[in-house]
Amino acid sequence: MRGWWQDLTDLVLPGECGGCGVPRTVLCARCRAVLCGAAVHRVRPVPEPPGLPVVLAAARYADEVRATLLAHKERGALALAGPLGVALAGAVRAGLRCASGSAEAGLARPRGAVAPVLLVPVPSGRRSVRARGHDPARRIALAAAGGLRRRGVPARVVGVLRQRRDVADQSGLNSRQRLDNLAGALEVAPAGVRLLAGGPVVLVDDVMTTGASLAEAARAVRAASSWPRVPSGASGPIPNAVWTSAVYGGETWESREEQNVGSRRERTGRRPARQVNAGAVDAGGVVDVVCAAVVAASPDSFEINRN
């Protein structure tokens, strides 16, 4: 009972800054400036994994930024999703400008309606989600999408990636071992293919170290666009289809916790696979992976400049 009450009071009255430990604030002004105030940079790990898209990072993964991300990810400081989302939204905006050569508004549909930016978070492993009680990258992505919409950039989160097999803990692996560990580990849920055709895709994550996770996510998304198209008039269930909102269904309270950062439009309820018609997997064309954006990246990756 005491632990439950402590968790509740931490949400209402934050105990200390996630970055430096200053009492009675979620994130102090100085740490917020380090996280969100620096210029967004393109980052490139060395060695750069094959297939890695252009990656933009808001901050260096060190000191206050590292502490803030770990507090959100490992210690459940969920209120930090807001400022972390602001930093991620800045990286997404920079990536869109880099990709289009102009403002984000240049990404539009043929009929003049602006296509929404699709933020595709790199999923955490099922065990990690169960242990933490939430998916950090997805939560930050939802906060970033809300921030982008407030700035006039239509955006939504599509959590279509899922792990197709278990992977080892990456903390002790080098870049080559991480690539081998993640090779073929991700896939797009069948019911998510059509969602990816709805606008430019930006892969998002909280941290980039070697780039292996983002490279694997890009491979999985690109592979999904080559799936055979199913006639839109076909009826009946999709064999082995999985409704994308249930990737972590039944394992955590994620859907409830997202109410703190996501909009109603982004929070989809569970839906059994049998209710999805075959027409939902009509991708309608090649998926456009515009770039990747992260809150923070290894300091070394900021020093590489190969224009």
C-alpha atoms as a PDB file:
ATOM      1  CA  MET A   1       0.000   0.000   0.000  1.00  0.00           C
ATOM      2  CA  ARG A   2       2.838   2.362   0.851  1.00  0.00           C
ATOM      3  CA  GLY A   3       4.558   1.681  -2.506  1.00  0.00           C
ATOM      4  CA  TRP A   4       1.322   2.340  -4.417  1.00  0.00           C
ATOM      5  CA  TRP A   5       0.795   5.631  -2.595  1.00  0.00           C
ATOM      6  CA  GLN A   6       4.405   6.668  -3.286  1.00  0.00           C
ATOM      7  CA  ASP A   7       3.966   5.997  -7.007  1.00  0.00           C
ATOM      8  CA  LEU A   8       0.809   8.112  -7.044  1.00  0.00           C
ATOM      9  CA  THR A   9       2.387  11.035  -5.222  1.00  0.00           C
ATOM     10  CA  ASP A  10       5.417  10.919  -7.547  1.00  0.00           C
ATOM     11  CA  LEU A  11       3.071  11.459 -10.490  1.00  0.00           C
ATOM     12  CA  VAL A  12       1.281  14.387  -8.845  1.00  0.00           C
ATOM     13  CA  LEU A  13       4.227  15.905  -6.944  1.00  0.00           C
ATOM     14  CA  PRO A  14       7.490  14.936  -8.655  1.00  0.00           C
ATOM     15  CA  GLY A  15      10.273  14.209  -6.204  1.00  0.00           C
ATOM     16  CA  GLU A  16      13.296  15.379  -8.180  1.00  0.00           C
ATOM     17  CA  CYS A  17      14.571  16.470 -11.569  1.00  0.00           C
ATOM     18  CA  GLY A  18      15.154  13.478 -13.838  1.00  0.00           C
ATOM     19  CA  GLY A  19      18.409  14.965 -15.079  1.00  0.00           C
ATOM     20  CA  CYS A  20      20.241  16.386 -12.057  1.00  0.00           C
ATOM     21  CA  GLY A  21      18.159  15.506  -8.993  1.00  0.00           C
ATOM     22  CA  VAL A  22      17.037  19.004  -8.038  1.00  0.00           C
ATOM     23  CA  PRO A  23      13.981  18.478  -5.797  1.00  0.00           C
ATOM     24  CA  ARG A  24      10.325  19.136  -6.607  1.00  0.00           C
ATOM     25  CA  THR A  25      10.476  19.382 -10.369  1.00  0.00           C
ATOM     26  CA  VAL A  26      10.047  16.946 -13.252  1.00  0.00           C
ATOM     27  CA  LEU A  27      12.902  18.490 -15.227  1.00  0.00           C
ATOM     28  CA  CYS A  28      14.658  21.684 -14.186  1.00  0.00           C
ATOM     29  CA  ALA A  29      15.216  24.586 -16.587  1.00  0.00           C
ATOM     30  CA  ARG A  30      18.904  23.824 -17.017  1.00  0.00           C
ATOM     31  CA  CYS A  31      18.389  20.153 -17.846  1.00  0.00           C
ATOM     32  CA  ARG A  32      15.490  21.026 -20.141  1.00  0.00           C
ATOM     33  CA  ALA A  33      17.768  23.416 -22.022  1.00  0.00           C
ATOM     34  CA  VAL A  34      20.411  20.700 -22.453  1.00  0.00           C
ATOM     35  CA  LEU A  35      17.768  18.267 -23.712  1.00  0.00           C
ATOM     36  CA  CYS A  36      15.741  20.558 -25.981  1.00  0.00           C
ATOM     37  CA  GLY A  37      17.789  23.718 -26.451  1.00  0.00           C
ATOM     38  CA  ALA A  38      20.698  22.483 -28.570  1.00  0.00           C
ATOM     39  CA  ALA A  39      20.651  22.404 -32.360  1.00  0.00           C
ATOM     40  CA  VAL A  40      19.526  19.104 -33.887  1.00  0.00           C
ATOM     41  CA  HIS A  41      22.338  17.278 -35.698  1.00  0.00           C
ATOM     42  CA  ARG A  42      22.627  14.495 -38.199  1.00  0.00           C
ATOM     43  CA  VAL A  43      24.439  11.591 -36.533  1.00  0.00           C
ATOM     44  CA  ARG A  44      26.310   8.648 -38.027  1.00  0.00           C
ATOM     45  CA  PRO A  45      27.679   5.733 -36.036  1.00  0.00           C
ATOM     46  CA  VAL A  46      31.020   4.181 -36.939  1.00  0.00           C
ATOM     47  CA  PRO A  47      30.841   1.669 -38.451  1.00  0.00           C
ATOM     48  CA  GLU A  48      27.571   2.658 -40.110  1.00  0.00           C
ATOM     49  CA  PRO A  49      25.273  -0.359 -40.505  1.00  0.00           C
ATOM     50  CA  PRO A  50      23.959  -1.116 -44.004  1.00  0.00           C
ATOM     51  CA  GLY A  51      20.511   0.269 -44.702  1.00  0.00           C
ATOM     52  CA  LEU A  52      20.592   2.892 -41.955  1.00  0.00           C
ATOM     53  CA  PRO A  53      18.482   5.902 -43.003  1.00  0.00           C
ATOM     54  CA  VAL A  54      19.493   9.483 -42.290  1.00  0.00           C
ATOM     55  CA  VAL A  55      19.327   9.887 -38.493  1.00  0.00           C
ATOM     56  CA  LEU A  56      18.734  13.165 -36.640  1.00  0.00           C
ATOM     57  CA  ALA A  57      19.389  13.507 -32.904  1.00  0.00           C
ATOM     58  CA  ALA A  58      18.337  16.261 -30.520  1.00  0.00           C
ATOM     59  CA  ALA A  59      21.078  15.789 -27.913  1.00  0.00           C
ATOM     60  CA  ARG A  60      24.158  13.859 -26.936  1.00  0.00           C
ATOM     61  CA  TYR A  61      23.595  10.765 -24.825  1.00  0.00           C
ATOM     62  CA  ALA A  62      25.593  11.912 -21.805  1.00  0.00           C
ATOM     63  CA  ASP A  63      25.254  13.470 -18.362  1.00  0.00           C
ATOM     64  CA  GLU A  64      21.821  15.067 -17.773  1.00  0.00           C
ATOM     65  CA  VAL A  65      20.305  13.716 -20.991  1.00  0.00           C
ATOM     66  CA  ARG A  66      21.396  10.176 -20.206  1.00  0.00           C
ATOM     67  CA  ALA A  67      20.029  10.449 -16.667  1.00  0.00           C
ATOM     68  CA  THR A  68      16.703  11.781 -17.955  1.00  0.00           C
ATOM     69  CA  LEU A  69      16.272   8.982 -20.477  1.00  0.00           C
ATOM     70  CA  LEU A  70      17.166   6.322 -17.919  1.00  0.00           C
ATOM     71  CA  ALA A  71      14.780   7.812 -15.366  1.00  0.00           C
ATOM     72  CA  HIS A  72      11.956   7.574 -17.899  1.00  0.00           C
ATOM     73  CA  LYS A  73      12.894   4.152 -19.233  1.00  0.00           C
ATOM     74  CA  GLU A  74      14.075   2.242 -16.190  1.00  0.00           C
ATOM     75  CA  ARG A  75      12.592   4.056 -13.200  1.00  0.00           C
ATOM     76  CA  GLY A  76       9.144   4.797 -14.608  1.00  0.00           C
ATOM     77  CA  ALA A  77       9.318   8.603 -14.425  1.00  0.00           C
ATOM     78  CA  LEU A  78       6.478   8.853 -16.935  1.00  0.00           C
ATOM     79  CA  ALA A  79       6.095  12.627 -16.623  1.00  0.00           C
ATOM     80  CA  LEU A  80       9.424  12.938 -18.451  1.00  0.00           C
ATOM     81  CA  ALA A  81       7.744  11.719 -21.647  1.00  0.00           C
ATOM     82  CA  GLY A  82       6.573  15.300 -22.238  1.00  0.00           C
ATOM     83  CA  PRO A  83       9.983  17.023 -22.464  1.00  0.00           C
ATOM     84  CA  LEU A  84      11.508  13.985 -24.156  1.00  0.00           C
ATOM     85  CA  GLY A  85       8.719  14.209 -26.735  1.00  0.00           C
ATOM     86  CA  VAL A  86       9.551  17.869 -27.332  1.00  0.00           C
ATOM     87  CA  ALA A  87      13.164  16.916 -28.077  1.00  0.00           C
ATOM     88  CA  LEU A  88      12.100  14.081 -30.386  1.00  0.00           C
ATOM     89  CA  ALA A  89       9.642  16.327 -32.232  1.00  0.00           C
ATOM     90  CA  GLY A  90      12.478  18.752 -32.934  1.00  0.00           C
ATOM     91  CA  ALA A  91      14.551  15.940 -34.437  1.00  0.00           C
ATOM     92  CA  VAL A  92      11.591  14.821 -36.565  1.00  0.00           C
ATOM     93  CA  ARG A  93      11.048  18.344 -37.896  1.00  0.00           C
ATOM     94  CA  ALA A  94      14.735  18.644 -38.780  1.00  0.00           C
ATOM     95  CA  GLY A  95      14.606  15.273 -40.545  1.00  0.00           C
ATOM     96  CA  LEU A  96      11.591  16.310 -42.603  1.00  0.00           C
ATOM     97  CA  ARG A  97      13.294  19.542 -43.649  1.00  0.00           C
ATOM     98  CA  CYS A  98      16.413  17.597 -44.594  1.00  0.00           C
ATOM     99  CA  ALA A  99      14.429  15.060 -46.624  1.00  0.00           C
ATOM    100  CA  SER A 100      12.164  17.506 -48.452  1.00  0.00           C
ATOM    101  CA  GLY A 101      14.603  20.338 -48.910  1.00  0.00           C
ATOM    102  CA  SER A 102      11.997  22.745 -47.546  1.00  0.00           C
ATOM    103  CA  ALA A 103       9.450  23.118 -44.764  1.00  0.00           C
ATOM    104  CA  GLU A 104       7.450  20.120 -43.572  1.00  0.00           C
ATOM    105  CA  ALA A 105       4.394  21.433 -45.382  1.00  0.00           C
ATOM    106  CA  GLY A 106       5.984  20.403 -48.668  1.00  0.00           C
ATOM    107  CA  LEU A 107       5.027  16.785 -47.970  1.00  0.00           C
ATOM    108  CA  ALA A 108       1.521  16.636 -49.416  1.00  0.00           C
ATOM    109  CA  ARG A 109      -0.925  14.339 -51.117  1.00  0.00           C
ATOM    110  CA  PRO A 110      -1.774  14.779 -54.813  1.00  0.00           C
ATOM    111  CA  ARG A 111      -5.180  16.306 -54.018  1.00  0.00           C
ATOM    112  CA  GLY A 112      -3.677  18.971 -51.819  1.00  0.00           C
ATOM    113  CA  ALA A 113      -4.403  17.425 -48.410  1.00  0.00           C
ATOM    114  CA  VAL A 114      -1.275  17.299 -46.273  1.00  0.00           C
ATOM    115  CA  ALA A 115      -0.173  13.735 -45.640  1.00  0.00           C
ATOM    116  CA  PRO A 116       0.339  12.958 -41.956  1.00  0.00           C
ATOM    117  CA  VAL A 117       3.845  12.113 -40.838  1.00  0.00           C
ATOM    118  CA  LEU A 118       3.846   8.526 -39.595  1.00  0.00           C
ATOM    119  CA  LEU A 119       6.054   8.019 -36.549  1.00  0.00           C
ATOM    120  CA  VAL A 120       7.047   4.353 -36.327  1.00  0.00           C
ATOM    121  CA  PRO A 121       8.689   3.575 -32.958  1.00  0.00           C
ATOM    122  CA  VAL A 122      11.283   0.842 -32.653  1.00  0.00           C
ATOM    123  CA  PRO A 123       9.601  -1.658 -30.308  1.00  0.00           C
ATOM    124  CA  SER A 124      11.079  -2.833 -27.045  1.00  0.00           C
ATOM    125  CA  GLY A 125      11.281  -6.548 -26.367  1.00  0.00           C
ATOM    126  CA  ARG A 126       8.265  -8.157 -24.744  1.00  0.00           C
ATOM    127  CA  ARG A 127      10.221  -9.013 -21.607  1.00  0.00           C
ATOM    128  CA  SER A 128      11.447  -5.446 -21.268  1.00  0.00           C
ATOM    129  CA  VAL A 129       7.923  -4.091 -21.699  1.00  0.00           C
ATOM    130  CA  ARG A 130       6.623  -6.425 -19.013  1.00  0.00           C
ATOM    131  CA  ALA A 131       9.446  -5.528 -16.635  1.00  0.00           C
ATOM    132  CA  ARG A 132       9.150  -1.765 -17.135  1.00  0.00           C
ATOM    133  CA  GLY A 133       5.376  -1.646 -17.395  1.00  0.00           C
ATOM    134  CA  HIS A 134       5.516   0.510 -20.535  1.00  0.00           C
ATOM    135  CA  ASP A 135       7.236   0.891 -23.912  1.00  0.00           C
ATOM    136  CA  PRO A 136       9.466   3.990 -23.574  1.00  0.00           C
ATOM    137  CA  ALA A 137      10.007   4.709 -27.271  1.00  0.00           C
ATOM    138  CA  ARG A 138       6.306   4.443 -28.035  1.00  0.00           C
ATOM    139  CA  ARG A 139       5.381   6.721 -25.152  1.00  0.00           C
ATOM    140  CA  ILE A 140       7.885   9.385 -26.245  1.00  0.00           C
ATOM    141  CA  ALA A 141       6.663   9.041 -29.836  1.00  0.00           C
ATOM    142  CA  LEU A 142       3.093   9.760 -28.741  1.00  0.00           C
ATOM    143  CA  ALA A 143       4.236  12.889 -26.931  1.00  0.00           C
ATOM    144  CA  ALA A 144       6.231  13.955 -30.000  1.00  0.00           C
ATOM    145  CA  ALA A 145       3.246  13.455 -32.307  1.00  0.00           C
ATOM    146  CA  GLY A 146       1.140  15.700 -30.091  1.00  0.00           C
ATOM    147  CA  GLY A 147       3.835  18.354 -30.149  1.00  0.00           C
ATOM    148  CA  LEU A 148       4.139  18.193 -33.922  1.00  0.00           C
ATOM    149  CA  ARG A 149       0.390  18.650 -34.365  1.00  0.00           C
ATOM    150  CA  ARG A 150       0.454  21.682 -32.100  1.00  0.00           C
ATOM    151  CA  ARG A 151       3.125  23.135 -34.398  1.00  0.00           C
ATOM    152  CA  GLY A 152       0.934  22.550 -37.451  1.00  0.00           C
ATOM    153  CA  VAL A 153       2.572  19.314 -38.646  1.00  0.00           C
ATOM    154  CA  PRO A 154      -0.016  16.519 -38.957  1.00  0.00           C
ATOM    155  CA  ALA A 155       1.476  13.449 -37.327  1.00  0.00           C
ATOM    156  CA  ARG A 156       0.403  10.194 -35.772  1.00  0.00           C
ATOM    157  CA  VAL A 157       2.065   7.151 -34.251  1.00  0.00           C
ATOM    158  CA  VAL A 158       1.707   3.805 -35.990  1.00  0.00           C
ATOM    159  CA  GLY A 159       3.124   1.042 -33.811  1.00  0.00           C
ATOM    160  CA  VAL A 160       3.267  -1.543 -36.552  1.00  0.00           C
ATOM    161  CA  LEU A 161       6.666  -3.083 -35.835  1.00  0.00           C
ATOM    162  CA  ARG A 162       6.926  -6.193 -33.692  1.00  0.00           C
ATOM    163  CA  GLN A 163       9.621  -8.684 -32.749  1.00  0.00           C
ATOM    164  CA  ARG A 164       9.349 -11.938 -34.665  1.00  0.00           C
ATOM    165  CA  ARG A 165      11.864 -13.711 -32.412  1.00  0.00           C
ATOM    166  CA  ASP A 166      13.648 -13.208 -29.117  1.00  0.00           C
ATOM    167  CA  VAL A 167      16.917 -11.277 -29.121  1.00  0.00           C
ATOM    168  CA  ALA A 168      19.733 -11.167 -26.591  1.00  0.00           C
ATOM    169  CA  ASP A 169      20.367  -8.216 -24.282  1.00  0.00           C
ATOM    170  CA  GLN A 170      22.374  -5.729 -26.337  1.00  0.00           C
ATOM    171  CA  SER A 171      24.094  -3.909 -23.485  1.00  0.00           C
ATOM    172  CA  GLY A 172      27.300  -5.964 -23.671  1.00  0.00           C
ATOM    173  CA  LEU A 173      27.475  -6.398 -27.456  1.00  0.00           C
ATOM    174  CA  ASN A 174      29.657  -4.542 -29.942  1.00  0.00           C
ATOM    175  CA  SER A 175      28.352  -3.106 -33.228  1.00  0.00           C
ATOM    176  CA  ARG A 176      28.937  -6.296 -35.242  1.00  0.00           C
ATOM    177  CA  GLN A 177      27.326  -8.474 -32.590  1.00  0.00           C
ATOM    178  CA  ARG A 178      24.322  -6.147 -32.377  1.00  0.00           C
ATOM    179  CA  LEU A 179      23.786  -6.373 -36.117  1.00  0.00           C
ATOM    180  CA  ASP A 180      23.904 -10.187 -35.960  1.00  0.00           C
ATOM    181  CA  ASN A 181      21.639 -10.222 -32.905  1.00  0.00           C
ATOM    182  CA  LEU A 182      18.962  -8.091 -34.598  1.00  0.00           C
ATOM    183  CA  ALA A 183      19.188  -9.422 -38.153  1.00  0.00           C
ATOM    184  CA  GLY A 184      15.661 -10.354 -39.229  1.00  0.00           C
ATOM    185  CA  ALA A 185      14.305  -9.795 -35.714  1.00  0.00           C
ATOM    186  CA  LEU A 186      11.609  -7.249 -36.634  1.00  0.00           C
ATOM    187  CA  GLU A 187       8.620  -7.365 -38.934  1.00  0.00           C
ATOM    188  CA  VAL A 188       5.556  -5.304 -39.738  1.00  0.00           C
ATOM    189  CA  ALA A 189       2.312  -6.795 -38.464  1.00  0.00           C
ATOM    190  CA  PRO A 190       0.150  -7.731 -41.485  1.00  0.00           C
ATOM    191  CA  ALA A 191      -2.645  -5.372 -40.549  1.00  0.00           C
ATOM    192  CA  GLY A 192      -0.135  -2.520 -40.371  1.00  0.00           C
ATOM    193  CA  VAL A 193       0.968  -2.566 -43.997  1.00  0.00           C
ATOM    194  CA  ARG A 194      -1.883  -0.356 -45.165  1.00  0.00           C
ATOM    195  CA  LEU A 195      -1.151   2.154 -42.385  1.00  0.00           C
ATOM    196  CA  LEU A 196       2.401   2.640 -43.649  1.00  0.00           C
ATOM    197  CA  ALA A 197       1.102   3.794 -47.026  1.00  0.00           C
ATOM    198  CA  GLY A 198      -0.712   6.746 -45.460  1.00  0.00           C
ATOM    199  CA  GLY A 199       2.192   9.201 -45.399  1.00  0.00           C
ATOM    200  CA  PRO A 200       5.957   9.679 -45.039  1.00  0.00           C
ATOM    201  CA  VAL A 201       7.467   7.315 -42.475  1.00  0.00           C
ATOM    202  CA  VAL A 202       9.893   8.493 -39.805  1.00  0.00           C
ATOM    203  CA  LEU A 203      11.447   5.801 -37.625  1.00  0.00           C
ATOM    204  CA  VAL A 204      11.806   6.971 -34.010  1.00  0.00           C
ATOM    205  CA  ASP A 205      13.617   5.727 -30.921  1.00  0.00           C
ATOM    206  CA  ASP A 206      14.855   7.149 -27.663  1.00  0.00           C
ATOM    207  CA  VAL A 207      18.592   6.458 -28.127  1.00  0.00           C
ATOM    208  CA  MET A 208      20.902   5.462 -30.973  1.00  0.00           C
ATOM    209  CA  THR A 209      24.247   3.868 -30.160  1.00  0.00           C
ATOM    210  CA  THR A 210      25.420   1.616 -33.010  1.00  0.00           C
ATOM    211  CA  GLY A 211      22.383   2.161 -35.251  1.00  0.00           C
ATOM    212  CA  ALA A 212      21.635  -1.572 -35.459  1.00  0.00           C
ATOM    213  CA  SER A 213      18.054  -1.245 -34.170  1.00  0.00           C
ATOM    214  CA  LEU A 214      17.149   1.560 -36.594  1.00  0.00           C
ATOM    215  CA  ALA A 215      18.753  -0.268 -39.514  1.00  0.00           C
ATOM    216  CA  GLU A 216      16.735  -3.398 -38.742  1.00  0.00           C
ATOM    217  CA  ALA A 217      13.557  -1.355 -38.347  1.00  0.00           C
ATOM    218  CA  ALA A 218      14.171   0.298 -41.730  1.00  0.00           C
ATOM    219  CA  ARG A 219      14.709  -3.111 -43.341  1.00  0.00           C
ATOM    220  CA  ALA A 220      11.462  -4.454 -41.904  1.00  0.00           C
ATOM    221  CA  VAL A 221       9.433  -1.430 -43.032  1.00  0.00           C
ATOM    222  CA  ARG A 222      10.902  -1.480 -46.536  1.00  0.00           C
ATOM    223  CA  ALA A 223      10.309  -5.221 -46.798  1.00  0.00           C
ATOM    224  CA  ALA A 224       6.643  -4.734 -45.929  1.00  0.00           C
ATOM    225  CA  SER A 225       6.103  -2.560 -49.013  1.00  0.00           C
ATOM    226  CA  SER A 226       7.075  -5.497 -51.251  1.00  0.00           C
ATOM    227  CA  TRP A 227       4.349  -7.797 -49.920  1.00  0.00           C
ATOM    228  CA  PRO A 228       1.841  -8.981 -52.552  1.00  0.00           C
ATOM    229  CA  ARG A 229      -1.143  -6.671 -52.825  1.00  0.00           C
ATOM    230  CA  VAL A 230      -4.547  -8.137 -51.998  1.00  0.00           C
ATOM    231  CA  PRO A 231      -7.587  -6.977 -54.005  1.00  0.00           C
ATOM    232  CA  SER A 232      -9.489  -4.409 -51.965  1.00  0.00           C
ATOM    233  CA  GLY A 233     -12.779  -6.121 -52.716  1.00  0.00           C
ATOM    234  CA  ALA A 234     -11.712  -9.419 -51.189  1.00  0.00           C
ATOM    235  CA  SER A 235     -13.529 -10.528 -48.074  1.00  0.00           C
ATOM    236  CA  GLY A 236     -12.884 -12.806 -45.166  1.00  0.00           C
ATOM    237  CA  PRO A 237     -10.211 -12.957 -42.475  1.00  0.00           C
ATOM    238  CA  ILE A 238      -6.509 -12.596 -43.148  1.00  0.00           C
ATOM    239  CA  PRO A 239      -4.620 -15.764 -42.258  1.00  0.00           C
ATOM    240  CA  ASN A 240      -2.326 -15.105 -39.272  1.00  0.00           C
ATOM    241  CA  ALA A 241      -3.231 -11.395 -39.249  1.00  0.00           C
ATOM    242  CA  VAL A 242      -2.461  -9.493 -36.072  1.00  0.00           C
ATOM    243  CA  TRP A 243      -4.172  -6.227 -35.160  1.00  0.00           C
ATOM    244  CA  THR A 244      -1.385  -3.713 -34.699  1.00  0.00           C
ATOM    245  CA  SER A 245      -2.678  -2.177 -31.483  1.00  0.00           C
ATOM    246  CA  ALA A 246      -2.362  -5.560 -29.782  1.00  0.00           C
ATOM    247  CA  VAL A 247       1.392  -6.024 -30.249  1.00  0.00           C
ATOM    248  CA  TYR A 248       1.743  -5.807 -26.489  1.00  0.00           C
ATOM    249  CA  GLY A 249      -1.877  -6.632 -25.764  1.00  0.00           C
ATOM    250  CA  GLY A 250      -2.527  -8.387 -22.492  1.00  0.00           C
ATOM    251  CA  GLU A 251       0.986  -7.801 -21.195  1.00  0.00           C
ATOM    252  CA  THR A 252       0.971  -4.286 -19.740  1.00  0.00           C
ATOM    253  CA  TRP A 253      -1.242  -1.329 -18.903  1.00  0.00           C
ATOM    254  CA  GLU A 254       0.320   0.556 -21.811  1.00  0.00           C
ATOM    255  CA  SER A 255      -2.966   1.543 -23.417  1.00  0.00           C
ATOM    256  CA  ARG A 256      -4.131   3.200 -20.202  1.00  0.00           C
ATOM    257  CA  GLU A 257      -0.825   4.917 -19.537  1.00  0.00           C
ATOM    258  CA  GLU A 258      -0.775   6.393 -23.030  1.00  0.00           C
ATOM    259  CA  GLN A 259      -3.737   8.537 -22.071  1.00  0.00           C
ATOM    260  CA  ASN A 260      -1.223  10.823 -20.351  1.00  0.00           C
ATOM    261  CA  VAL A 261       0.561  11.686 -23.607  1.00  0.00           C
ATOM    262  CA  GLY A 262      -1.540  10.526 -26.580  1.00  0.00           C
ATOM    263  CA  SER A 263      -4.687  11.774 -28.237  1.00  0.00           C
ATOM    264  CA  ARG A 264      -7.912   9.839 -28.639  1.00  0.00           C
ATOM    265  CA  ARG A 265      -7.165   9.381 -32.292  1.00  0.00           C
ATOM    266  CA  GLU A 266      -3.889   7.612 -31.496  1.00  0.00           C
ATOM    267  CA  ARG A 267      -5.329   5.321 -28.850  1.00  0.00           C
ATOM    268  CA  THR A 268      -6.927   2.424 -30.647  1.00  0.00           C
ATOM    269  CA  GLY A 269      -8.637  -0.349 -28.760  1.00  0.00           C
ATOM    270  CA  ARG A 270      -8.024  -4.032 -29.184  1.00  0.00           C
ATOM    271  CA  ARG A 271      -9.587  -5.735 -32.122  1.00  0.00           C
ATOM    272  CA  PRO A 272      -9.508  -9.444 -32.877  1.00  0.00           C
ATOM    273  CA  ALA A 273      -7.697 -10.439 -36.056  1.00  0.00           C
ATOM    274  CA  ARG A 274     -10.830 -12.037 -37.474  1.00  0.00           C
ATOM    275  CA  GLN A 275     -12.483  -8.621 -37.747  1.00  0.00           C
ATOM    276  CA  VAL A 276      -9.839  -7.286 -40.154  1.00  0.00           C
ATOM    277  CA  ASN A 277     -10.777  -7.688 -43.815  1.00  0.00           C
ATOM    278  CA  ALA A 278      -8.223  -8.631 -46.451  1.00  0.00           C
ATOM    279  CA  GLY A 279      -8.506  -5.211 -48.044  1.00  0.00           C
ATOM    280  CA  ALA A 280      -6.728  -3.732 -45.032  1.00  0.00           C
ATOM    281  CA  VAL A 281      -3.373  -5.099 -46.190  1.00  0.00           C
ATOM    282  CA  ASP A 282      -3.385  -3.266 -49.524  1.00  0.00           C
ATOM    283  CA  ALA A 283      -0.275  -1.135 -49.099  1.00  0.00           C
ATOM    284  CA  GLY A 284      -1.063   0.909 -52.181  1.00  0.00           C
ATOM    285  CA  GLY A 285       2.586   1.476 -53.114  1.00  0.00           C
ATOM    286  CA  VAL A 286       6.134   1.585 -51.832  1.00  0.00           C
ATOM    287  CA  VAL A 287       6.591   2.673 -48.222  1.00  0.00           C
ATOM    288  CA  ASP A 288       8.562   5.920 -48.007  1.00  0.00           C
ATOM    289  CA  VAL A 289      11.091   5.802 -45.136  1.00  0.00           C
ATOM    290  CA  VAL A 290      12.032   9.467 -44.999  1.00  0.00           C
ATOM    291  CA  CYS A 291      14.489   9.406 -42.111  1.00  0.00           C
ATOM    292  CA  ALA A 292      14.976   8.382 -38.495  1.00  0.00           C
ATOM    293  CA  ALA A 293      14.870  10.601 -35.408  1.00  0.00           C
ATOM    294  CA  VAL A 294      16.058   9.972 -31.866  1.00  0.00           C
ATOM    295  CA  VAL A 295      16.146  11.944 -28.645  1.00  0.00           C
ATOM    296  CA  ALA A 296      19.847  11.270 -28.131  1.00  0.00           C
ATOM    297  CA  ALA A 297      22.788   9.550 -29.769  1.00  0.00           C
ATOM    298  CA  SER A 298      26.290   8.534 -28.739  1.00  0.00           C
ATOM    299  CA  PRO A 299      28.564  11.602 -28.485  1.00  0.00           C
ATOM    300  CA  ASP A 300      31.011  10.030 -30.937  1.00  0.00           C
ATOM    301  CA  SER A 301      28.367   9.914 -33.664  1.00  0.00           C
ATOM    302  CA  PHE A 302      28.087  13.722 -33.564  1.00  0.00           C
ATOM    303  CA  GLU A 303      31.719  14.101 -34.588  1.00  0.00           C
ATOM    304  CA  ILE A 304      31.336  12.299 -37.903  1.00  0.00           C
ATOM    305  CA  ASN A 305      30.720  14.592 -40.872  1.00  0.00           C
ATOM    306  CA  ARG A 306      30.876  12.949 -44.271  1.00  0.00           C
ATOM    307  CA  ASN A 307      28.964  15.337 -46.541  1.00  0.00           C
END
